[in-house]
């Protein structure tokens, strides 16, 4: 009996990049409140790239 499910790599990479995206968004919020816009922008870039990679990893390995 076969079942269809996402591979472990898709789940693992999705969770990994999702966690990096959350950390990046928390950094963006912290640096934004501190007034350091360059660091907040860098954190935003990290969050967006990691979020995109999380979605891409799920679709590539699913």
N, C-alpha and C. Protein backbone atom coordinates (compact mmCIF):
# COMPACT_ATOMS: atom_id res chain seq x y z
N UNK A 1 0.84 -1.17 0.00
CA UNK A 1 0.00 0.00 0.00
C UNK A 1 0.89 1.24 0.00
N UNK A 2 0.71 2.10 -0.98
CA UNK A 2 1.53 3.30 -1.09
C UNK A 2 0.72 4.50 -0.65
N UNK A 3 1.41 5.42 -0.01
CA UNK A 3 0.78 6.68 0.37
C UNK A 3 1.61 7.82 -0.18
N UNK A 4 0.97 8.89 -0.53
CA UNK A 4 1.67 10.06 -1.05
C UNK A 4 1.89 11.05 0.10
N UNK A 5 3.14 11.45 0.26
CA UNK A 5 3.46 12.44 1.28
C UNK A 5 4.70 13.21 0.85
N UNK A 6 4.90 14.35 1.46
CA UNK A 6 6.08 15.15 1.17
C UNK A 6 7.31 14.44 1.71
N UNK A 7 8.42 14.63 1.05
CA UNK A 7 9.64 13.99 1.52
C UNK A 7 10.12 14.66 2.79
N UNK A 8 10.97 13.95 3.50
CA UNK A 8 11.52 14.51 4.74
C UNK A 8 12.36 15.75 4.45
N UNK A 9 13.01 15.76 3.30
CA UNK A 9 13.84 16.91 2.95
C UNK A 9 12.98 18.15 2.75
N UNK A 10 11.81 18.01 2.14
CA UNK A 10 10.93 19.16 1.93
C UNK A 10 10.46 19.72 3.25
N UNK A 11 10.10 18.84 4.16
CA UNK A 11 9.63 19.30 5.47
C UNK A 11 10.77 19.92 6.26
N UNK A 12 11.93 19.25 6.26
CA UNK A 12 13.06 19.75 7.03
C UNK A 12 13.57 21.09 6.54
N UNK A 13 13.76 21.21 5.23
CA UNK A 13 14.23 22.49 4.70
C UNK A 13 13.19 23.58 4.86
N UNK A 14 11.92 23.22 4.70
CA UNK A 14 10.86 24.22 4.91
C UNK A 14 10.86 24.75 6.33
N UNK A 15 11.01 23.84 7.29
CA UNK A 15 11.07 24.28 8.69
C UNK A 15 12.33 25.07 8.99
N UNK A 16 13.45 24.65 8.43
CA UNK A 16 14.71 25.36 8.66
C UNK A 16 14.63 26.79 8.13
N UNK A 17 14.24 26.94 6.88
CA UNK A 17 14.16 28.28 6.30
C UNK A 17 13.02 29.09 6.94
N UNK A 18 11.96 28.43 7.36
CA UNK A 18 10.90 29.14 8.08
C UNK A 18 11.40 29.70 9.40
N UNK A 19 12.21 28.92 10.11
CA UNK A 19 12.78 29.41 11.37
C UNK A 19 13.73 30.57 11.13
N UNK A 20 14.53 30.50 10.07
CA UNK A 20 15.43 31.62 9.74
C UNK A 20 14.61 32.87 9.39
N UNK A 21 13.49 32.68 8.70
CA UNK A 21 12.63 33.81 8.36
C UNK A 21 12.04 34.45 9.61
N UNK A 22 11.64 33.64 10.57
CA UNK A 22 11.09 34.17 11.82
C UNK A 22 12.16 34.94 12.58
N UNK A 23 13.37 34.38 12.63
CA UNK A 23 14.46 35.08 13.32
C UNK A 23 14.77 36.40 12.62
N UNK A 24 14.75 36.39 11.29
CA UNK A 24 14.97 37.63 10.55
C UNK A 24 13.90 38.67 10.81
N UNK A 25 12.66 38.24 10.91
CA UNK A 25 11.59 39.20 11.18
C UNK A 25 11.66 39.73 12.61
N UNK A 26 12.08 38.90 13.55
CA UNK A 26 12.27 39.39 14.91
C UNK A 26 13.42 40.39 14.98
N UNK A 27 14.49 40.12 14.21
CA UNK A 27 15.59 41.07 14.14
C UNK A 27 15.15 42.38 13.51
N UNK A 28 14.31 42.29 12.50
CA UNK A 28 13.80 43.51 11.87
C UNK A 28 12.99 44.34 12.87
N UNK A 29 12.16 43.67 13.66
CA UNK A 29 11.37 44.40 14.64
C UNK A 29 12.26 45.02 15.72
N UNK A 30 13.25 44.26 16.18
CA UNK A 30 14.13 44.77 17.24
C UNK A 30 14.96 45.95 16.75
N UNK A 31 15.56 45.81 15.56
CA UNK A 31 16.36 46.91 15.03
C UNK A 31 15.48 48.09 14.62
N UNK A 32 14.27 47.83 14.19
CA UNK A 32 13.36 48.91 13.85
C UNK A 32 12.98 49.74 15.05
N UNK A 33 12.76 49.08 16.19
CA UNK A 33 12.45 49.83 17.41
C UNK A 33 13.67 50.59 17.93
N UNK A 34 14.86 50.06 17.67
CA UNK A 34 16.08 50.71 18.13
C UNK A 34 16.47 51.87 17.22
N UNK A 35 15.90 51.93 16.03
CA UNK A 35 16.17 53.04 15.13
C UNK A 35 17.29 52.77 14.13
N UNK A 36 17.81 51.57 14.07
CA UNK A 36 18.88 51.23 13.14
C UNK A 36 18.25 50.69 11.85
N UNK A 37 18.03 51.59 10.89
CA UNK A 37 17.30 51.21 9.69
C UNK A 37 18.11 50.32 8.75
N UNK A 38 19.42 50.45 8.74
CA UNK A 38 20.24 49.58 7.88
C UNK A 38 20.17 48.13 8.35
N UNK A 39 20.28 47.92 9.65
CA UNK A 39 20.20 46.57 10.19
C UNK A 39 18.78 46.01 10.03
N UNK A 40 17.77 46.86 10.20
CA UNK A 40 16.39 46.42 10.01
C UNK A 40 16.16 46.01 8.57
N UNK A 41 16.73 46.76 7.63
CA UNK A 41 16.60 46.41 6.22
C UNK A 41 17.31 45.11 5.90
N UNK A 42 18.47 44.89 6.49
CA UNK A 42 19.18 43.63 6.29
C UNK A 42 18.41 42.46 6.86
N UNK A 43 17.81 42.65 8.02
CA UNK A 43 16.99 41.60 8.63
C UNK A 43 15.77 41.30 7.78
N UNK A 44 15.19 42.34 7.20
CA UNK A 44 14.05 42.15 6.31
C UNK A 44 14.46 41.34 5.08
N UNK A 45 15.62 41.65 4.52
CA UNK A 45 16.10 40.91 3.36
C UNK A 45 16.32 39.43 3.71
N UNK A 46 16.90 39.17 4.87
CA UNK A 46 17.11 37.79 5.30
C UNK A 46 15.77 37.07 5.46
N UNK A 47 14.80 37.74 6.07
CA UNK A 47 13.49 37.13 6.27
C UNK A 47 12.80 36.82 4.95
N UNK A 48 12.87 37.73 3.99
CA UNK A 48 12.21 37.51 2.70
C UNK A 48 12.89 36.41 1.89
N UNK A 49 14.22 36.39 1.90
CA UNK A 49 14.93 35.36 1.15
C UNK A 49 14.68 33.99 1.78
N UNK A 50 14.74 33.92 3.11
CA UNK A 50 14.51 32.63 3.78
C UNK A 50 13.08 32.16 3.57
N UNK A 51 12.11 33.06 3.60
CA UNK A 51 10.73 32.67 3.34
C UNK A 51 10.53 32.16 1.93
N UNK A 52 11.17 32.81 0.98
CA UNK A 52 11.09 32.35 -0.41
C UNK A 52 11.73 30.98 -0.57
N UNK A 53 12.88 30.77 0.08
CA UNK A 53 13.54 29.48 0.00
C UNK A 53 12.73 28.38 0.68
N UNK A 54 12.00 28.73 1.74
CA UNK A 54 11.16 27.74 2.42
C UNK A 54 10.06 27.24 1.48
N UNK A 55 9.42 28.17 0.78
CA UNK A 55 8.37 27.78 -0.16
C UNK A 55 8.96 27.00 -1.33
N UNK A 56 10.10 27.46 -1.85
CA UNK A 56 10.73 26.78 -2.98
C UNK A 56 11.18 25.36 -2.59
N UNK A 57 11.72 25.20 -1.40
CA UNK A 57 12.17 23.87 -0.96
C UNK A 57 10.98 22.91 -0.89
N UNK A 58 9.85 23.40 -0.40
CA UNK A 58 8.67 22.54 -0.32
C UNK A 58 8.23 22.09 -1.71
N UNK A 59 8.24 23.02 -2.66
CA UNK A 59 7.77 22.67 -4.01
C UNK A 59 8.79 21.82 -4.77
N UNK A 60 10.06 22.04 -4.54
CA UNK A 60 11.07 21.26 -5.26
C UNK A 60 11.09 19.81 -4.78
N UNK A 61 11.01 19.61 -3.47
CA UNK A 61 11.16 18.26 -2.92
C UNK A 61 9.84 17.57 -2.61
N UNK A 62 8.71 18.19 -2.90
CA UNK A 62 7.41 17.57 -2.61
C UNK A 62 7.07 16.49 -3.61
